[in-house]
Amino acid sequence: MAVDRPLDGRNIVVTRPAGQVAHLAERLIELGAKPVLFPVLAIYDVDDPAPLQDVAIRLDQFDWACFVSPNAIEKSLPTLLASRTWPPGLRTATVGKSSEQALARFGVGKVVAPQDRFDSEALLELPELQAMQGKRVVIFRGDGGRELLGDTLRQRGAEVEYIACYRRDKPALDPAPLLKLWSDSRLDGVTVTSSEGLRNFVEMIGKLGQTWLKKTPLFVPHQRIAALARALGCHDVILTGAGDDGLITGLLEYYHDHAA
């Protein structure tokens, strides 16, 4: 194995949505791996854009805007900024480096975000979001999703409004290429970056794939996903750091320790 290609020849499943896969796939290729693209979430525009268009007009009425993911940013900011600038008095919060970078691309700076852990729990621990009595908060997210952020801010006295700016669905993909790699003992690892994505993946690969998955190294960037994976019977769950960089570091460490 070449030193500069430490993942040489390894087939690694990448389950990110199609529009978010490029960076991780490119890094894997640079390290010698073969990314196997199998998106387990499809991201679509909402059927009714009226609520998003309406809140664009009312942005000045809010004290805080919270974005739960890069998808929430990519699917809301073009509409929000179509005919106006970002209100200078509107404070912005999000989770994750990728979300901060996405906001910066739209010219939204001075973002409040956790720096160590990247989830709603970490965001809610920040001092800026403690004294929320009387604050008006708009949360941009996908359809459904966790209620923790809004519920906690309401408990702290905030008035919270949710805006669904995208919807998620399970893609209709043929798992045969994955099953063939598994049957040939050539599928080396799987990366999954959300609990919903893991549930979709398990459903999409069927009973045979589920049997193989339980024996395959599964790399996840959050404890909540790891707990779900173990509850589903996965035996080799590797908790990595956050984001693509965390996944890459986890993969490198694991295969360095398990080199043939």
C-alpha atoms as a PDB file:
ATOM      1  CA  MET A   1       0.000   0.000   0.000  1.00  0.00           C
ATOM      2  CA  ALA A   2       1.459   3.367  -1.032  1.00  0.00           C
ATOM      3  CA  VAL A   3       2.146   5.739   1.826  1.00  0.00           C
ATOM      4  CA  ASP A   4       0.404   8.586   0.010  1.00  0.00           C
ATOM      5  CA  ARG A   5      -2.576   6.338  -0.829  1.00  0.00           C
ATOM      6  CA  PRO A   6      -3.336   4.715   2.546  1.00  0.00           C
ATOM      7  CA  LEU A   7      -6.854   3.635   1.489  1.00  0.00           C
ATOM      8  CA  ASP A   8      -5.629   2.100  -1.765  1.00  0.00           C
ATOM      9  CA  GLY A   9      -8.217  -0.174  -3.366  1.00  0.00           C
ATOM     10  CA  ARG A  10     -10.787   0.027  -0.588  1.00  0.00           C
ATOM     11  CA  ASN A  11     -14.438   0.309  -1.615  1.00  0.00           C
ATOM     12  CA  ILE A  12     -16.113   2.809   0.731  1.00  0.00           C
ATOM     13  CA  VAL A  13     -19.847   3.480   0.515  1.00  0.00           C
ATOM     14  CA  VAL A  14     -20.788   7.182   0.601  1.00  0.00           C
ATOM     15  CA  THR A  15     -24.436   7.751   1.480  1.00  0.00           C
ATOM     16  CA  ARG A  16     -24.625  11.555   1.395  1.00  0.00           C
ATOM     17  CA  PRO A  17     -27.308  13.133  -0.836  1.00  0.00           C
ATOM     18  CA  ALA A  18     -26.190  13.457  -4.459  1.00  0.00           C
ATOM     19  CA  GLY A  19     -25.546  17.201  -4.257  1.00  0.00           C
ATOM     20  CA  GLN A  20     -23.326  16.922  -1.172  1.00  0.00           C
ATOM     21  CA  VAL A  21     -21.014  14.099  -2.093  1.00  0.00           C
ATOM     22  CA  ALA A  22     -18.244  15.755  -4.124  1.00  0.00           C
ATOM     23  CA  HIS A  23     -15.810  16.772  -1.374  1.00  0.00           C
ATOM     24  CA  LEU A  24     -15.849  13.458   0.487  1.00  0.00           C
ATOM     25  CA  ALA A  25     -15.647  11.429  -2.724  1.00  0.00           C
ATOM     26  CA  GLU A  26     -12.705  13.489  -3.982  1.00  0.00           C
ATOM     27  CA  ARG A  27     -10.805  13.039  -0.715  1.00  0.00           C
ATOM     28  CA  LEU A  28     -11.384   9.290  -0.822  1.00  0.00           C
ATOM     29  CA  ILE A  29     -10.075   9.105  -4.385  1.00  0.00           C
ATOM     30  CA  GLU A  30      -6.985  11.134  -3.421  1.00  0.00           C
ATOM     31  CA  LEU A  31      -6.291   8.563  -0.687  1.00  0.00           C
ATOM     32  CA  GLY A  32      -6.653   5.656  -3.103  1.00  0.00           C
ATOM     33  CA  ALA A  33     -10.137   4.505  -2.136  1.00  0.00           C
ATOM     34  CA  LYS A  34     -13.005   3.806  -4.507  1.00  0.00           C
ATOM     35  CA  PRO A  35     -16.095   5.730  -3.338  1.00  0.00           C
ATOM     36  CA  VAL A  36     -19.281   3.789  -3.946  1.00  0.00           C
ATOM     37  CA  LEU A  37     -22.018   6.409  -4.246  1.00  0.00           C
ATOM     38  CA  PHE A  38     -25.335   5.307  -2.780  1.00  0.00           C
ATOM     39  CA  PRO A  39     -27.368   8.362  -1.678  1.00  0.00           C
ATOM     40  CA  VAL A  40     -29.906   7.433   0.972  1.00  0.00           C
ATOM     41  CA  LEU A  41     -31.634  10.823   1.081  1.00  0.00           C
ATOM     42  CA  ALA A  42     -33.027  12.848  -1.793  1.00  0.00           C
ATOM     43  CA  ILE A  43     -33.522  16.573  -1.154  1.00  0.00           C
ATOM     44  CA  TYR A  44     -36.374  18.369  -2.931  1.00  0.00           C
ATOM     45  CA  ASP A  45     -37.905  21.821  -2.911  1.00  0.00           C
ATOM     46  CA  VAL A  46     -41.036  22.139  -0.802  1.00  0.00           C
ATOM     47  CA  ASP A  47     -44.325  21.786  -2.641  1.00  0.00           C
ATOM     48  CA  ASP A  48     -45.582  25.144  -1.351  1.00  0.00           C
ATOM     49  CA  PRO A  49     -42.978  27.953  -1.351  1.00  0.00           C
ATOM     50  CA  ALA A  50     -45.439  30.527   0.016  1.00  0.00           C
ATOM     51  CA  PRO A  51     -44.379  30.290   3.716  1.00  0.00           C
ATOM     52  CA  LEU A  52     -40.721  30.808   2.767  1.00  0.00           C
ATOM     53  CA  GLN A  53     -41.602  33.737   0.508  1.00  0.00           C
ATOM     54  CA  ASP A  54     -43.737  35.227   3.267  1.00  0.00           C
ATOM     55  CA  VAL A  55     -41.055  34.998   5.931  1.00  0.00           C
ATOM     56  CA  ALA A  56     -38.590  36.720   3.585  1.00  0.00           C
ATOM     57  CA  ILE A  57     -40.780  39.813   3.838  1.00  0.00           C
ATOM     58  CA  ARG A  58     -40.918  39.538   7.645  1.00  0.00           C
ATOM     59  CA  LEU A  59     -37.255  38.825   8.397  1.00  0.00           C
ATOM     60  CA  ASP A  60     -36.783  42.158  10.155  1.00  0.00           C
ATOM     61  CA  GLN A  61     -39.331  41.093  12.788  1.00  0.00           C
ATOM     62  CA  PHE A  62     -37.068  38.322  14.129  1.00  0.00           C
ATOM     63  CA  ASP A  63     -34.172  38.472  16.571  1.00  0.00           C
ATOM     64  CA  TRP A  64     -32.648  35.149  15.551  1.00  0.00           C
ATOM     65  CA  ALA A  65     -32.573  32.954  12.432  1.00  0.00           C
ATOM     66  CA  CYS A  66     -31.464  29.355  12.997  1.00  0.00           C
ATOM     67  CA  PHE A  67     -30.475  26.988  10.188  1.00  0.00           C
ATOM     68  CA  VAL A  68     -30.341  23.296  11.058  1.00  0.00           C
ATOM     69  CA  SER A  69     -28.248  22.083   8.096  1.00  0.00           C
ATOM     70  CA  PRO A  70     -26.531  23.059   4.832  1.00  0.00           C
ATOM     71  CA  ASN A  71     -29.677  21.885   3.047  1.00  0.00           C
ATOM     72  CA  ALA A  72     -31.728  24.412   5.006  1.00  0.00           C
ATOM     73  CA  ILE A  73     -29.358  27.157   3.884  1.00  0.00           C
ATOM     74  CA  GLU A  74     -29.110  26.142   0.241  1.00  0.00           C
ATOM     75  CA  LYS A  75     -32.878  25.771  -0.040  1.00  0.00           C
ATOM     76  CA  SER A  76     -33.852  28.975   1.783  1.00  0.00           C
ATOM     77  CA  LEU A  77     -31.280  31.710   1.195  1.00  0.00           C
ATOM     78  CA  PRO A  78     -31.903  32.140  -2.569  1.00  0.00           C
ATOM     79  CA  THR A  79     -35.566  32.886  -1.806  1.00  0.00           C
ATOM     80  CA  LEU A  80     -34.864  34.945   1.309  1.00  0.00           C
ATOM     81  CA  LEU A  81     -32.338  37.141  -0.515  1.00  0.00           C
ATOM     82  CA  ALA A  82     -34.096  37.297  -3.879  1.00  0.00           C
ATOM     83  CA  SER A  83     -35.395  40.819  -3.332  1.00  0.00           C
ATOM     84  CA  ARG A  84     -33.727  42.018  -0.131  1.00  0.00           C
ATOM     85  CA  THR A  85     -30.497  42.024   1.873  1.00  0.00           C
ATOM     86  CA  TRP A  86     -29.936  40.165   5.133  1.00  0.00           C
ATOM     87  CA  PRO A  87     -31.209  42.355   8.016  1.00  0.00           C
ATOM     88  CA  PRO A  88     -28.203  43.760   9.898  1.00  0.00           C
ATOM     89  CA  GLY A  89     -29.906  43.268  13.273  1.00  0.00           C
ATOM     90  CA  LEU A  90     -30.872  39.632  12.666  1.00  0.00           C
ATOM     91  CA  ARG A  91     -28.539  37.272  14.513  1.00  0.00           C
ATOM     92  CA  THR A  92     -27.772  33.942  12.859  1.00  0.00           C
ATOM     93  CA  ALA A  93     -27.119  30.529  14.396  1.00  0.00           C
ATOM     94  CA  THR A  94     -26.370  27.146  12.899  1.00  0.00           C
ATOM     95  CA  VAL A  95     -24.655  23.829  13.600  1.00  0.00           C
ATOM     96  CA  GLY A  96     -21.598  22.529  11.808  1.00  0.00           C
ATOM     97  CA  LYS A  97     -18.694  23.886   9.786  1.00  0.00           C
ATOM     98  CA  SER A  98     -20.403  23.050   6.501  1.00  0.00           C
ATOM     99  CA  SER A  99     -23.385  25.198   7.471  1.00  0.00           C
ATOM    100  CA  GLU A 100     -21.125  28.107   8.447  1.00  0.00           C
ATOM    101  CA  GLN A 101     -19.398  27.840   5.072  1.00  0.00           C
ATOM    102  CA  ALA A 102     -22.728  27.720   3.254  1.00  0.00           C
ATOM    103  CA  LEU A 103     -23.922  30.876   5.021  1.00  0.00           C
ATOM    104  CA  ALA A 104     -20.666  32.633   4.163  1.00  0.00           C
ATOM    105  CA  ARG A 105     -21.210  31.863   0.476  1.00  0.00           C
ATOM    106  CA  PHE A 106     -24.432  33.858   0.699  1.00  0.00           C
ATOM    107  CA  GLY A 107     -22.698  36.722   2.490  1.00  0.00           C
ATOM    108  CA  VAL A 108     -24.125  35.954   5.942  1.00  0.00           C
ATOM    109  CA  GLY A 109     -21.380  36.367   8.522  1.00  0.00           C
ATOM    110  CA  LYS A 110     -20.952  36.670  12.304  1.00  0.00           C
ATOM    111  CA  VAL A 111     -22.641  33.306  12.759  1.00  0.00           C
ATOM    112  CA  VAL A 112     -23.110  31.771  16.200  1.00  0.00           C
ATOM    113  CA  ALA A 113     -22.216  28.073  16.031  1.00  0.00           C
ATOM    114  CA  PRO A 114     -20.695  25.384  18.263  1.00  0.00           C
ATOM    115  CA  GLN A 115     -17.044  24.601  17.591  1.00  0.00           C
ATOM    116  CA  ASP A 116     -16.575  21.160  19.114  1.00  0.00           C
ATOM    117  CA  ARG A 117     -19.813  19.200  18.709  1.00  0.00           C
ATOM    118  CA  PHE A 118     -22.175  19.833  15.833  1.00  0.00           C
ATOM    119  CA  ASP A 119     -25.789  19.233  16.826  1.00  0.00           C
ATOM    120  CA  SER A 120     -28.772  21.013  18.357  1.00  0.00           C
ATOM    121  CA  GLU A 121     -27.660  20.062  21.857  1.00  0.00           C
ATOM    122  CA  ALA A 122     -24.298  21.796  21.370  1.00  0.00           C
ATOM    123  CA  LEU A 123     -25.968  24.860  19.851  1.00  0.00           C
ATOM    124  CA  LEU A 124     -28.310  25.136  22.821  1.00  0.00           C
ATOM    125  CA  GLU A 125     -25.361  25.103  25.227  1.00  0.00           C
ATOM    126  CA  LEU A 126     -23.906  28.320  23.776  1.00  0.00           C
ATOM    127  CA  PRO A 127     -24.185  31.373  26.060  1.00  0.00           C
ATOM    128  CA  GLU A 128     -25.791  33.466  23.321  1.00  0.00           C
ATOM    129  CA  LEU A 129     -28.902  31.259  23.343  1.00  0.00           C
ATOM    130  CA  GLN A 130     -29.526  31.160  27.094  1.00  0.00           C
ATOM    131  CA  ALA A 131     -31.434  34.399  27.802  1.00  0.00           C
ATOM    132  CA  MET A 132     -34.179  34.113  25.180  1.00  0.00           C
ATOM    133  CA  GLN A 133     -37.139  35.642  27.008  1.00  0.00           C
ATOM    134  CA  GLY A 134     -39.213  37.626  24.498  1.00  0.00           C
ATOM    135  CA  LYS A 135     -36.907  36.843  21.551  1.00  0.00           C
ATOM    136  CA  ARG A 136     -38.464  35.979  18.200  1.00  0.00           C
ATOM    137  CA  VAL A 137     -36.768  33.039  16.466  1.00  0.00           C
ATOM    138  CA  VAL A 138     -37.292  31.562  13.010  1.00  0.00           C
ATOM    139  CA  ILE A 139     -35.916  28.059  12.407  1.00  0.00           C
ATOM    140  CA  PHE A 140     -35.268  26.938   8.840  1.00  0.00           C
ATOM    141  CA  ARG A 141     -35.328  23.167   8.431  1.00  0.00           C
ATOM    142  CA  GLY A 142     -36.652  20.290   6.360  1.00  0.00           C
ATOM    143  CA  ASP A 143     -40.163  18.953   6.668  1.00  0.00           C
ATOM    144  CA  GLY A 144     -40.483  17.245  10.033  1.00  0.00           C
ATOM    145  CA  GLY A 145     -37.277  16.653  11.921  1.00  0.00           C
ATOM    146  CA  ARG A 146     -36.335  16.986  15.570  1.00  0.00           C
ATOM    147  CA  GLU A 147     -38.218  19.427  17.785  1.00  0.00           C
ATOM    148  CA  LEU A 148     -35.502  19.806  20.422  1.00  0.00           C
ATOM    149  CA  LEU A 149     -34.184  23.172  19.266  1.00  0.00           C
ATOM    150  CA  GLY A 150     -37.559  24.900  19.048  1.00  0.00           C
ATOM    151  CA  ASP A 151     -38.960  23.261  22.165  1.00  0.00           C
ATOM    152  CA  THR A 152     -35.967  24.275  24.275  1.00  0.00           C
ATOM    153  CA  LEU A 153     -35.952  27.858  23.013  1.00  0.00           C
ATOM    154  CA  ARG A 154     -39.665  28.117  23.817  1.00  0.00           C
ATOM    155  CA  GLN A 155     -38.940  26.850  27.334  1.00  0.00           C
ATOM    156  CA  ARG A 156     -36.421  29.689  27.627  1.00  0.00           C
ATOM    157  CA  GLY A 157     -39.110  32.218  26.726  1.00  0.00           C
ATOM    158  CA  ALA A 158     -38.642  32.612  22.981  1.00  0.00           C
ATOM    159  CA  GLU A 159     -41.373  32.807  20.371  1.00  0.00           C
ATOM    160  CA  VAL A 160     -40.455  30.233  17.732  1.00  0.00           C
ATOM    161  CA  GLU A 161     -41.617  29.823  14.144  1.00  0.00           C
ATOM    162  CA  TYR A 162     -40.604  26.893  11.936  1.00  0.00           C
ATOM    163  CA  ILE A 163     -40.199  27.274   8.183  1.00  0.00           C
ATOM    164  CA  ALA A 164     -39.887  24.084   6.114  1.00  0.00           C
ATOM    165  CA  CYS A 165     -37.667  24.931   3.156  1.00  0.00           C
ATOM    166  CA  TYR A 166     -36.999  21.463   1.745  1.00  0.00           C
ATOM    167  CA  ARG A 167     -38.373  17.972   1.946  1.00  0.00           C
ATOM    168  CA  ARG A 168     -36.555  14.661   2.203  1.00  0.00           C
ATOM    169  CA  ASP A 169     -37.385  11.353   0.599  1.00  0.00           C
ATOM    170  CA  LYS A 170     -35.862   7.909   0.224  1.00  0.00           C
ATOM    171  CA  PRO A 171     -34.402   7.409  -3.269  1.00  0.00           C
ATOM    172  CA  ALA A 172     -35.468   4.432  -5.381  1.00  0.00           C
ATOM    173  CA  LEU A 173     -32.028   2.886  -5.930  1.00  0.00           C
ATOM    174  CA  ASP A 174     -31.074  -0.652  -6.909  1.00  0.00           C
ATOM    175  CA  PRO A 175     -28.858  -2.115  -4.156  1.00  0.00           C
ATOM    176  CA  ALA A 176     -27.513  -4.841  -6.493  1.00  0.00           C
ATOM    177  CA  PRO A 177     -24.059  -3.206  -6.941  1.00  0.00           C
ATOM    178  CA  LEU A 178     -23.580  -3.080  -3.176  1.00  0.00           C
ATOM    179  CA  LEU A 179     -24.771  -6.636  -2.719  1.00  0.00           C
ATOM    180  CA  LYS A 180     -22.356  -7.792  -5.451  1.00  0.00           C
ATOM    181  CA  LEU A 181     -19.416  -6.076  -3.711  1.00  0.00           C
ATOM    182  CA  TRP A 182     -20.451  -7.627  -0.398  1.00  0.00           C
ATOM    183  CA  SER A 183     -20.800 -11.086  -1.938  1.00  0.00           C
ATOM    184  CA  ASP A 184     -17.317 -10.747  -3.444  1.00  0.00           C
ATOM    185  CA  SER A 185     -15.902  -9.606  -0.066  1.00  0.00           C
ATOM    186  CA  ARG A 186     -14.911  -6.314  -1.670  1.00  0.00           C
ATOM    187  CA  LEU A 187     -17.033  -3.819   0.280  1.00  0.00           C
ATOM    188  CA  ASP A 188     -14.726  -2.438   2.936  1.00  0.00           C
ATOM    189  CA  GLY A 189     -16.713   0.233   4.768  1.00  0.00           C
ATOM    190  CA  VAL A 190     -19.874   2.331   4.890  1.00  0.00           C
ATOM    191  CA  THR A 191     -20.194   6.008   5.867  1.00  0.00           C
ATOM    192  CA  VAL A 192     -23.543   7.338   7.133  1.00  0.00           C
ATOM    193  CA  THR A 193     -24.077  10.910   8.323  1.00  0.00           C
ATOM    194  CA  SER A 194     -27.621  10.977   9.765  1.00  0.00           C
ATOM    195  CA  SER A 195     -29.973   8.740  11.688  1.00  0.00           C
ATOM    196  CA  GLU A 196     -32.639   9.126   9.022  1.00  0.00           C
ATOM    197  CA  GLY A 197     -30.092   8.183   6.393  1.00  0.00           C
ATOM    198  CA  LEU A 198     -29.129   5.056   8.329  1.00  0.00           C
ATOM    199  CA  ARG A 199     -32.756   3.965   8.597  1.00  0.00           C
ATOM    200  CA  ASN A 200     -33.217   4.505   4.868  1.00  0.00           C
ATOM    201  CA  PHE A 201     -30.009   2.616   4.079  1.00  0.00           C
ATOM    202  CA  VAL A 202     -31.103  -0.385   6.131  1.00  0.00           C
ATOM    203  CA  GLU A 203     -34.450  -0.464   4.319  1.00  0.00           C
ATOM    204  CA  MET A 204     -32.898   0.008   0.874  1.00  0.00           C
ATOM    205  CA  ILE A 205     -30.379  -2.841   1.109  1.00  0.00           C
ATOM    206  CA  GLY A 206     -32.944  -5.447   2.191  1.00  0.00           C
ATOM    207  CA  LYS A 207     -32.523  -8.493   4.402  1.00  0.00           C
ATOM    208  CA  LEU A 208     -29.408  -9.818   2.679  1.00  0.00           C
ATOM    209  CA  GLY A 209     -27.668  -6.454   2.778  1.00  0.00           C
ATOM    210  CA  GLN A 210     -28.623  -6.013   6.428  1.00  0.00           C
ATOM    211  CA  THR A 211     -26.879  -9.273   7.281  1.00  0.00           C
ATOM    212  CA  TRP A 212     -23.666  -8.088   5.620  1.00  0.00           C
ATOM    213  CA  LEU A 213     -23.951  -4.571   7.057  1.00  0.00           C
ATOM    214  CA  LYS A 214     -23.893  -5.945  10.593  1.00  0.00           C
ATOM    215  CA  LYS A 215     -20.386  -7.287   9.915  1.00  0.00           C
ATOM    216  CA  THR A 216     -19.074  -4.258   7.959  1.00  0.00           C
ATOM    217  CA  PRO A 217     -17.179  -1.295   9.467  1.00  0.00           C
ATOM    218  CA  LEU A 218     -19.732   1.524   9.721  1.00  0.00           C
ATOM    219  CA  PHE A 219     -18.326   5.050  10.114  1.00  0.00           C
ATOM    220  CA  VAL A 220     -20.654   7.654  11.668  1.00  0.00           C
ATOM    221  CA  PRO A 221     -19.911  11.211  12.896  1.00  0.00           C
ATOM    222  CA  HIS A 222     -22.345  11.418  15.789  1.00  0.00           C
ATOM    223  CA  GLN A 223     -23.064   9.422  18.937  1.00  0.00           C
ATOM    224  CA  ARG A 224     -26.790   9.419  18.190  1.00  0.00           C
ATOM    225  CA  ILE A 225     -26.206   7.631  14.858  1.00  0.00           C
ATOM    226  CA  ALA A 226     -23.790   5.219  16.506  1.00  0.00           C
ATOM    227  CA  ALA A 227     -26.383   4.313  19.141  1.00  0.00           C
ATOM    228  CA  LEU A 228     -28.992   3.640  16.449  1.00  0.00           C
ATOM    229  CA  ALA A 229     -26.519   1.520  14.468  1.00  0.00           C
ATOM    230  CA  ARG A 230     -25.774  -0.644  17.491  1.00  0.00           C
ATOM    231  CA  ALA A 231     -29.500  -0.951  18.232  1.00  0.00           C
ATOM    232  CA  LEU A 232     -29.943  -2.209  14.655  1.00  0.00           C
ATOM    233  CA  GLY A 233     -27.356  -4.922  15.285  1.00  0.00           C
ATOM    234  CA  CYS A 234     -24.243  -3.438  13.682  1.00  0.00           C
ATOM    235  CA  HIS A 235     -21.161  -4.892  15.362  1.00  0.00           C
ATOM    236  CA  ASP A 236     -18.354  -2.678  14.031  1.00  0.00           C
ATOM    237  CA  VAL A 237     -19.465   0.936  14.537  1.00  0.00           C
ATOM    238  CA  ILE A 238     -16.727   3.577  14.417  1.00  0.00           C
ATOM    239  CA  LEU A 239     -17.582   6.991  15.859  1.00  0.00           C
ATOM    240  CA  THR A 240     -15.574   9.627  13.982  1.00  0.00           C
ATOM    241  CA  GLY A 241     -15.146  13.366  14.233  1.00  0.00           C
ATOM    242  CA  ALA A 242     -17.662  15.685  12.599  1.00  0.00           C
ATOM    243  CA  GLY A 243     -17.972  16.426   8.905  1.00  0.00           C
ATOM    244  CA  ASP A 244     -16.006  15.044   5.981  1.00  0.00           C
ATOM    245  CA  ASP A 245     -12.683  15.669   7.710  1.00  0.00           C
ATOM    246  CA  GLY A 246     -13.814  13.682  10.727  1.00  0.00           C
ATOM    247  CA  LEU A 247     -14.945  10.785   8.558  1.00  0.00           C
ATOM    248  CA  ILE A 248     -11.654  10.766   6.631  1.00  0.00           C
ATOM    249  CA  THR A 249      -9.610  10.799   9.834  1.00  0.00           C
ATOM    250  CA  GLY A 250     -11.708   7.943  11.217  1.00  0.00           C
ATOM    251  CA  LEU A 251     -11.237   5.898   8.056  1.00  0.00           C
ATOM    252  CA  LEU A 252      -7.472   6.475   8.023  1.00  0.00           C
ATOM    253  CA  GLU A 253      -7.062   5.531  11.682  1.00  0.00           C
ATOM    254  CA  TYR A 254      -9.234   2.444  11.387  1.00  0.00           C
ATOM    255  CA  TYR A 255      -7.527   1.014   8.308  1.00  0.00           C
ATOM    256  CA  HIS A 256      -4.089   1.872   9.623  1.00  0.00           C
ATOM    257  CA  ASP A 257      -4.897  -0.226  12.686  1.00  0.00           C
ATOM    258  CA  HIS A 258      -6.474  -2.998  10.547  1.00  0.00           C
ATOM    259  CA  ALA A 259      -3.929  -3.111   7.731  1.00  0.00           C
ATOM    260  CA  ALA A 260      -3.642  -6.501   6.127  1.00  0.00           C
END
